[in-house]
Amino acid sequence: MANDVMNRNFDLFDPMNFFNEVGNLGHDMFSGDSSMKTDVVEHDKDYVVTAELPGFKKDDIHVDYRDDTLRISGKAEVNQSAKDDDGRVLRQERSSQNVARSFYLPDIDLKNVQAKYDAGVLTLTLPKQTKVDDNHEISID
């Protein structure tokens, strides 16, 4: 057992393990989560869709509705660079993120849809259309 513990501790200080772990941390920190966390809640008269889009600008987000399907997509690109006093680039990073989700939400009243984007959260309120039943039974007197 003592050898087993020593081997585990030795592995912690193995340069290859160290660089692999640091690389994984960097990947996790800079790649971000590319999914769009979304809630869809149905009420009697509407649907409310809330999507988390942190780091996106309002102009980076596209929302459309066709074929009874709501589509939300976003594309964000970030370019950062740090220079020293002499103007030499010390660090330059680029990242991009593309996300998209689709939801089947039938019978939306498109004229009364409301959309708000605040603090990285997109909130859509999609009122349902009041359908007129085409199959009316006619009573005979």
C-alpha atoms as a PDB file:
ATOM      1  CA  MET A   1       0.000   0.000   0.000  1.00  0.00           C
ATOM      2  CA  ALA A   2       2.825   2.420   0.759  1.00  0.00           C
ATOM      3  CA  ASN A   3       4.234   1.830  -2.739  1.00  0.00           C
ATOM      4  CA  ASP A   4       0.817   2.480  -4.224  1.00  0.00           C
ATOM      5  CA  VAL A   5       0.569   5.836  -2.427  1.00  0.00           C
ATOM      6  CA  MET A   6       4.116   6.752  -3.458  1.00  0.00           C
ATOM      7  CA  ASN A   7       3.352   5.919  -7.096  1.00  0.00           C
ATOM      8  CA  ARG A   8       0.251   8.120  -7.070  1.00  0.00           C
ATOM      9  CA  ASN A   9       2.190  11.024  -5.571  1.00  0.00           C
ATOM     10  CA  PHE A  10       5.001  10.495  -8.042  1.00  0.00           C
ATOM     11  CA  ASP A  11       2.488  10.644 -10.907  1.00  0.00           C
ATOM     12  CA  LEU A  12       1.311  14.037  -9.681  1.00  0.00           C
ATOM     13  CA  PHE A  13       4.763  15.457 -10.282  1.00  0.00           C
ATOM     14  CA  ASP A  14       5.318  13.795 -13.638  1.00  0.00           C
ATOM     15  CA  PRO A  15       5.890  16.677 -16.096  1.00  0.00           C
ATOM     16  CA  MET A  16       3.652  15.105 -18.735  1.00  0.00           C
ATOM     17  CA  ASN A  17       0.730  14.800 -16.270  1.00  0.00           C
ATOM     18  CA  PHE A  18       1.296  18.371 -15.130  1.00  0.00           C
ATOM     19  CA  PHE A  19       1.157  19.800 -18.664  1.00  0.00           C
ATOM     20  CA  ASN A  20      -1.827  17.650 -19.606  1.00  0.00           C
ATOM     21  CA  GLU A  21      -3.775  18.903 -16.587  1.00  0.00           C
ATOM     22  CA  VAL A  22      -2.810  22.534 -17.200  1.00  0.00           C
ATOM     23  CA  GLY A  23      -3.807  22.129 -20.848  1.00  0.00           C
ATOM     24  CA  ASN A  24      -7.192  20.732 -19.831  1.00  0.00           C
ATOM     25  CA  LEU A  25      -7.778  23.611 -17.435  1.00  0.00           C
ATOM     26  CA  GLY A  26      -6.956  26.109 -20.154  1.00  0.00           C
ATOM     27  CA  HIS A  27      -9.259  24.357 -22.596  1.00  0.00           C
ATOM     28  CA  ASP A  28     -12.120  24.411 -20.098  1.00  0.00           C
ATOM     29  CA  MET A  29     -11.585  28.059 -19.215  1.00  0.00           C
ATOM     30  CA  PHE A  30     -11.328  29.415 -22.748  1.00  0.00           C
ATOM     31  CA  SER A  31     -13.569  27.134 -24.753  1.00  0.00           C
ATOM     32  CA  GLY A  32     -16.637  27.812 -22.630  1.00  0.00           C
ATOM     33  CA  ASP A  33     -19.852  25.876 -22.802  1.00  0.00           C
ATOM     34  CA  SER A  34     -21.085  25.994 -26.377  1.00  0.00           C
ATOM     35  CA  SER A  35     -24.646  25.016 -25.498  1.00  0.00           C
ATOM     36  CA  MET A  36     -27.462  27.484 -25.024  1.00  0.00           C
ATOM     37  CA  LYS A  37     -29.217  26.840 -21.723  1.00  0.00           C
ATOM     38  CA  THR A  38     -32.905  27.352 -22.456  1.00  0.00           C
ATOM     39  CA  ASP A  39     -36.209  27.077 -20.623  1.00  0.00           C
ATOM     40  CA  VAL A  40     -39.541  26.806 -22.438  1.00  0.00           C
ATOM     41  CA  VAL A  41     -42.651  27.263 -20.319  1.00  0.00           C
ATOM     42  CA  GLU A  42     -46.156  26.834 -21.705  1.00  0.00           C
ATOM     43  CA  HIS A  43     -49.019  28.810 -20.172  1.00  0.00           C
ATOM     44  CA  ASP A  44     -52.679  28.821 -21.211  1.00  0.00           C
ATOM     45  CA  LYS A  45     -52.264  31.860 -23.454  1.00  0.00           C
ATOM     46  CA  ASP A  46     -48.562  31.902 -24.350  1.00  0.00           C
ATOM     47  CA  TYR A  47     -45.127  30.322 -24.326  1.00  0.00           C
ATOM     48  CA  VAL A  48     -42.225  31.968 -22.526  1.00  0.00           C
ATOM     49  CA  VAL A  49     -38.761  31.062 -23.781  1.00  0.00           C
ATOM     50  CA  THR A  50     -35.714  32.092 -21.755  1.00  0.00           C
ATOM     51  CA  ALA A  51     -32.271  31.489 -23.268  1.00  0.00           C
ATOM     52  CA  GLU A  52     -28.918  32.220 -21.639  1.00  0.00           C
ATOM     53  CA  LEU A  53     -26.535  33.869 -24.110  1.00  0.00           C
ATOM     54  CA  PRO A  54     -23.740  35.379 -22.012  1.00  0.00           C
ATOM     55  CA  GLY A  55     -21.084  37.250 -23.943  1.00  0.00           C
ATOM     56  CA  PHE A  56     -23.320  37.843 -26.957  1.00  0.00           C
ATOM     57  CA  LYS A  57     -24.323  41.270 -28.202  1.00  0.00           C
ATOM     58  CA  LYS A  58     -27.935  41.824 -29.202  1.00  0.00           C
ATOM     59  CA  ASP A  59     -26.843  42.144 -32.846  1.00  0.00           C
ATOM     60  CA  ASP A  60     -25.160  38.703 -32.642  1.00  0.00           C
ATOM     61  CA  ILE A  61     -28.504  36.973 -31.954  1.00  0.00           C
ATOM     62  CA  HIS A  62     -30.971  35.898 -34.639  1.00  0.00           C
ATOM     63  CA  VAL A  63     -34.518  34.746 -33.878  1.00  0.00           C
ATOM     64  CA  ASP A  64     -37.059  33.555 -36.430  1.00  0.00           C
ATOM     65  CA  TYR A  65     -40.268  31.548 -36.567  1.00  0.00           C
ATOM     66  CA  ARG A  66     -41.424  29.450 -39.491  1.00  0.00           C
ATOM     67  CA  ASP A  67     -43.159  26.112 -39.976  1.00  0.00           C
ATOM     68  CA  ASP A  68     -44.371  26.243 -36.354  1.00  0.00           C
ATOM     69  CA  THR A  69     -40.747  26.226 -35.184  1.00  0.00           C
ATOM     70  CA  LEU A  70     -38.914  28.897 -33.192  1.00  0.00           C
ATOM     71  CA  ARG A  71     -35.217  29.152 -34.044  1.00  0.00           C
ATOM     72  CA  ILE A  72     -32.654  31.000 -31.939  1.00  0.00           C
ATOM     73  CA  SER A  73     -29.041  31.298 -33.044  1.00  0.00           C
ATOM     74  CA  GLY A  74     -26.060  33.346 -32.005  1.00  0.00           C
ATOM     75  CA  LYS A  75     -22.564  33.940 -33.260  1.00  0.00           C
ATOM     76  CA  ALA A  76     -19.982  35.814 -31.216  1.00  0.00           C
ATOM     77  CA  GLU A  77     -16.345  36.481 -31.995  1.00  0.00           C
ATOM     78  CA  VAL A  78     -13.865  37.917 -29.517  1.00  0.00           C
ATOM     79  CA  ASN A  79     -10.414  39.207 -30.388  1.00  0.00           C
ATOM     80  CA  GLN A  80      -8.159  40.285 -27.549  1.00  0.00           C
ATOM     81  CA  SER A  81      -4.569  41.382 -27.562  1.00  0.00           C
ATOM     82  CA  ALA A  82      -2.211  42.767 -24.943  1.00  0.00           C
ATOM     83  CA  LYS A  83       0.784  44.901 -25.871  1.00  0.00           C
ATOM     84  CA  ASP A  84       3.686  46.218 -23.852  1.00  0.00           C
ATOM     85  CA  ASP A  85       4.785  49.889 -23.744  1.00  0.00           C
ATOM     86  CA  ASP A  86       6.806  49.452 -26.951  1.00  0.00           C
ATOM     87  CA  GLY A  87       3.780  48.126 -28.847  1.00  0.00           C
ATOM     88  CA  ARG A  88       4.969  44.512 -28.974  1.00  0.00           C
ATOM     89  CA  VAL A  89       2.223  41.931 -28.778  1.00  0.00           C
ATOM     90  CA  LEU A  90       2.581  39.929 -25.587  1.00  0.00           C
ATOM     91  CA  ARG A  91      -0.581  37.903 -25.960  1.00  0.00           C
ATOM     92  CA  GLN A  92      -3.276  37.619 -28.587  1.00  0.00           C
ATOM     93  CA  GLU A  93      -6.364  35.470 -28.276  1.00  0.00           C
ATOM     94  CA  ARG A  94      -9.270  34.809 -30.589  1.00  0.00           C
ATOM     95  CA  SER A  95     -12.361  32.865 -29.851  1.00  0.00           C
ATOM     96  CA  SER A  96     -15.720  32.335 -31.466  1.00  0.00           C
ATOM     97  CA  GLN A  97     -18.886  30.749 -30.320  1.00  0.00           C
ATOM     98  CA  ASN A  98     -21.839  29.554 -32.390  1.00  0.00           C
ATOM     99  CA  VAL A  99     -25.004  28.310 -30.746  1.00  0.00           C
ATOM    100  CA  ALA A 100     -28.412  27.373 -32.119  1.00  0.00           C
ATOM    101  CA  ARG A 101     -31.605  25.842 -30.784  1.00  0.00           C
ATOM    102  CA  SER A 102     -35.008  25.068 -32.312  1.00  0.00           C
ATOM    103  CA  PHE A 103     -38.341  24.466 -30.605  1.00  0.00           C
ATOM    104  CA  TYR A 104     -41.639  23.287 -32.041  1.00  0.00           C
ATOM    105  CA  LEU A 105     -44.213  25.802 -30.761  1.00  0.00           C
ATOM    106  CA  PRO A 106     -47.373  25.712 -32.897  1.00  0.00           C
ATOM    107  CA  ASP A 107     -49.952  28.434 -33.472  1.00  0.00           C
ATOM    108  CA  ILE A 108     -48.048  31.559 -32.452  1.00  0.00           C
ATOM    109  CA  ASP A 109     -49.619  35.017 -32.829  1.00  0.00           C
ATOM    110  CA  LEU A 110     -46.627  36.575 -34.612  1.00  0.00           C
ATOM    111  CA  LYS A 111     -47.998  40.120 -34.431  1.00  0.00           C
ATOM    112  CA  ASN A 112     -47.802  40.134 -30.623  1.00  0.00           C
ATOM    113  CA  VAL A 113     -44.467  38.396 -29.941  1.00  0.00           C
ATOM    114  CA  GLN A 114     -42.257  40.232 -27.447  1.00  0.00           C
ATOM    115  CA  ALA A 115     -38.472  39.850 -27.238  1.00  0.00           C
ATOM    116  CA  LYS A 116     -36.096  41.287 -24.648  1.00  0.00           C
ATOM    117  CA  TYR A 117     -32.337  40.794 -24.211  1.00  0.00           C
ATOM    118  CA  ASP A 118     -30.827  41.911 -20.913  1.00  0.00           C
ATOM    119  CA  ALA A 119     -27.665  40.888 -19.043  1.00  0.00           C
ATOM    120  CA  GLY A 120     -27.030  37.893 -21.315  1.00  0.00           C
ATOM    121  CA  VAL A 121     -30.572  36.516 -21.085  1.00  0.00           C
ATOM    122  CA  LEU A 122     -32.985  36.476 -24.026  1.00  0.00           C
ATOM    123  CA  THR A 123     -36.654  36.343 -23.033  1.00  0.00           C
ATOM    124  CA  LEU A 124     -39.330  35.712 -25.649  1.00  0.00           C
ATOM    125  CA  THR A 125     -43.039  35.832 -24.947  1.00  0.00           C
ATOM    126  CA  LEU A 126     -44.957  34.112 -27.730  1.00  0.00           C
ATOM    127  CA  PRO A 127     -48.745  34.474 -27.430  1.00  0.00           C
ATOM    128  CA  LYS A 128     -50.834  31.626 -28.760  1.00  0.00           C
ATOM    129  CA  GLN A 129     -53.347  32.311 -31.495  1.00  0.00           C
ATOM    130  CA  THR A 130     -56.935  31.770 -30.647  1.00  0.00           C
ATOM    131  CA  LYS A 131     -58.017  29.193 -33.168  1.00  0.00           C
ATOM    132  CA  VAL A 132     -61.425  29.159 -34.680  1.00  0.00           C
ATOM    133  CA  ASP A 133     -62.667  25.624 -34.964  1.00  0.00           C
ATOM    134  CA  ASP A 134     -63.455  24.962 -38.622  1.00  0.00           C
ATOM    135  CA  ASN A 135     -65.725  22.049 -37.775  1.00  0.00           C
ATOM    136  CA  HIS A 136     -68.879  23.526 -36.321  1.00  0.00           C
ATOM    137  CA  GLU A 137     -71.799  21.312 -35.647  1.00  0.00           C
ATOM    138  CA  ILE A 138     -75.017  22.845 -36.840  1.00  0.00           C
ATOM    139  CA  SER A 139     -78.110  21.969 -34.917  1.00  0.00           C
ATOM    140  CA  ILE A 140     -81.334  21.433 -36.808  1.00  0.00           C
ATOM    141  CA  ASP A 141     -84.536  22.857 -35.361  1.00  0.00           C
END
